[in-house]
Protein backbone atom coordinates (compact mmCIF):
# COMPACT_ATOMS: atom_id res chain seq x y z
CA MET A 1 10.78 -35.95 -13.12
CA THR A 2 7.87 -38.21 -13.52
CA GLU A 3 5.63 -38.15 -16.62
CA PHE A 4 2.75 -37.04 -14.41
CA LYS A 5 4.63 -33.96 -13.11
CA LYS A 6 5.81 -33.08 -16.66
CA ASN A 7 2.21 -33.19 -17.98
CA LYS A 8 0.88 -31.30 -14.94
CA LYS A 9 3.47 -28.49 -15.54
CA MET A 10 2.52 -28.30 -19.22
CA MET A 11 -1.21 -28.18 -18.43
CA LEU A 12 -0.71 -25.37 -15.76
CA GLY A 13 1.80 -23.59 -17.86
CA VAL A 14 4.24 -23.25 -14.99
CA ASP A 15 8.03 -23.65 -14.87
CA SER A 16 8.21 -24.64 -11.25
CA PHE A 17 6.16 -26.19 -8.50
CA MET A 18 7.33 -23.60 -6.00
CA LEU A 19 6.11 -20.14 -5.22
CA SER A 20 8.34 -17.14 -4.79
CA VAL A 21 6.97 -15.25 -1.77
CA GLU A 22 7.65 -11.66 -0.46
CA ILE A 23 5.94 -10.33 2.60
CA PHE A 24 6.65 -6.70 3.50
CA SER A 25 5.33 -4.47 6.30
CA HIS A 26 5.96 -0.86 7.21
CA SER A 27 8.98 -1.94 9.17
CA GLY A 28 10.59 -3.72 6.25
CA ALA A 29 10.91 -7.24 4.66
CA VAL A 30 9.25 -9.97 6.76
CA TYR A 31 9.85 -12.89 4.52
CA SER A 32 11.51 -13.56 1.12
CA GLY A 33 11.90 -17.02 -0.30
CA GLU A 34 10.34 -20.07 -1.83
CA ALA A 35 7.28 -21.81 -0.60
CA ASP A 36 5.00 -24.71 -1.48
CA SER A 37 1.84 -22.90 -0.40
CA VAL A 38 0.58 -19.69 1.15
CA LYS A 39 -2.61 -18.97 3.18
CA ILE A 40 -3.78 -15.39 3.52
CA PRO A 41 -6.65 -13.76 5.28
CA GLY A 42 -8.53 -12.32 2.22
CA SER A 43 -11.25 -9.70 2.92
CA GLU A 44 -13.78 -12.21 1.63
CA GLY A 45 -12.29 -15.17 3.52
CA GLU A 46 -9.22 -17.25 3.76
CA MET A 47 -7.40 -17.87 0.55
CA GLY A 48 -5.01 -20.77 -0.29
CA ILE A 49 -2.43 -20.18 -2.97
CA LEU A 50 -0.54 -22.97 -4.71
CA PRO A 51 1.83 -22.87 -7.79
CA GLY A 52 -0.21 -22.29 -10.96
CA HIS A 53 -2.84 -20.07 -9.16
CA ALA A 54 -4.64 -17.64 -11.29
CA ALA A 55 -3.41 -14.05 -11.23
CA ILE A 56 -5.19 -11.92 -8.60
CA ILE A 57 -4.97 -8.87 -6.46
CA ALA A 58 -6.81 -9.15 -3.14
CA ALA A 59 -7.46 -6.93 -0.14
CA LEU A 60 -6.41 -8.52 3.09
CA LYS A 61 -8.02 -8.24 6.54
CA PRO A 62 -6.30 -8.73 9.86
CA GLY A 63 -5.64 -12.39 10.50
CA LEU A 64 -3.18 -15.24 10.08
CA CYS A 65 -0.79 -15.56 7.15
CA GLU A 66 0.95 -18.93 6.70
CA VAL A 67 3.80 -19.94 4.44
CA LYS A 68 4.61 -23.62 4.00
CA ARG A 69 7.98 -24.75 2.73
CA GLY A 70 8.54 -28.54 2.97
CA SER A 71 7.91 -29.55 6.54
CA GLU A 72 8.34 -25.92 7.90
CA VAL A 73 5.38 -23.65 8.44
CA PHE A 74 5.95 -19.91 9.07
CA LYS A 75 3.13 -17.92 10.67
CA TRP A 76 2.47 -14.22 11.22
CA ASP A 77 -0.44 -12.22 12.61
CA VAL A 78 -0.87 -9.59 9.90
CA SER A 79 -2.84 -6.34 9.70
CA GLU A 80 -4.81 -5.20 6.71
CA GLY A 81 -3.12 -4.97 3.45
CA PHE A 82 -2.99 -6.40 -0.14
CA ALA A 83 -1.75 -9.46 -1.87
CA GLU A 84 -0.77 -9.95 -5.55
CA VAL A 85 -0.32 -13.31 -7.21
CA GLU A 86 1.09 -13.62 -10.76
CA LYS A 87 3.15 -16.31 -12.47
CA ASN A 88 3.95 -18.19 -9.12
CA VAL A 89 5.09 -14.85 -7.46
CA VAL A 90 3.19 -13.90 -4.28
CA LYS A 91 3.68 -10.34 -2.97
CA ILE A 92 2.05 -9.41 0.27
CA ALA A 93 2.06 -5.88 1.67
CA VAL A 94 0.63 -5.19 5.15
CA LYS A 95 0.99 -2.52 7.78
CA SER A 96 2.26 -4.94 10.31
CA ALA A 97 3.32 -8.55 10.68
CA ASN A 98 4.13 -10.20 14.03
CA LYS A 99 5.73 -13.66 13.89
CA ARG A 100 3.96 -16.43 15.89
């Protein structure tokens, strides 16, 4: 690991540069795994989440949810719901999620 990454981890207080992401709908688990970043349709506008993000709970409006892992991007059209971010763990609960 480079000195820059070590210093950045210390400054952010994170153990990893990956997010643990769980997306659930009424029909069950939609996605569970690691990710580099997540975009969600917050009720006040689109939100981007990266490792080290501040803890939040946000209401979601219908829109596009994206999970990026390496060169892969997973996309779903989601209904309203909620998202929680804490210590590099992102939990998203929506009524429905349809893969694009």
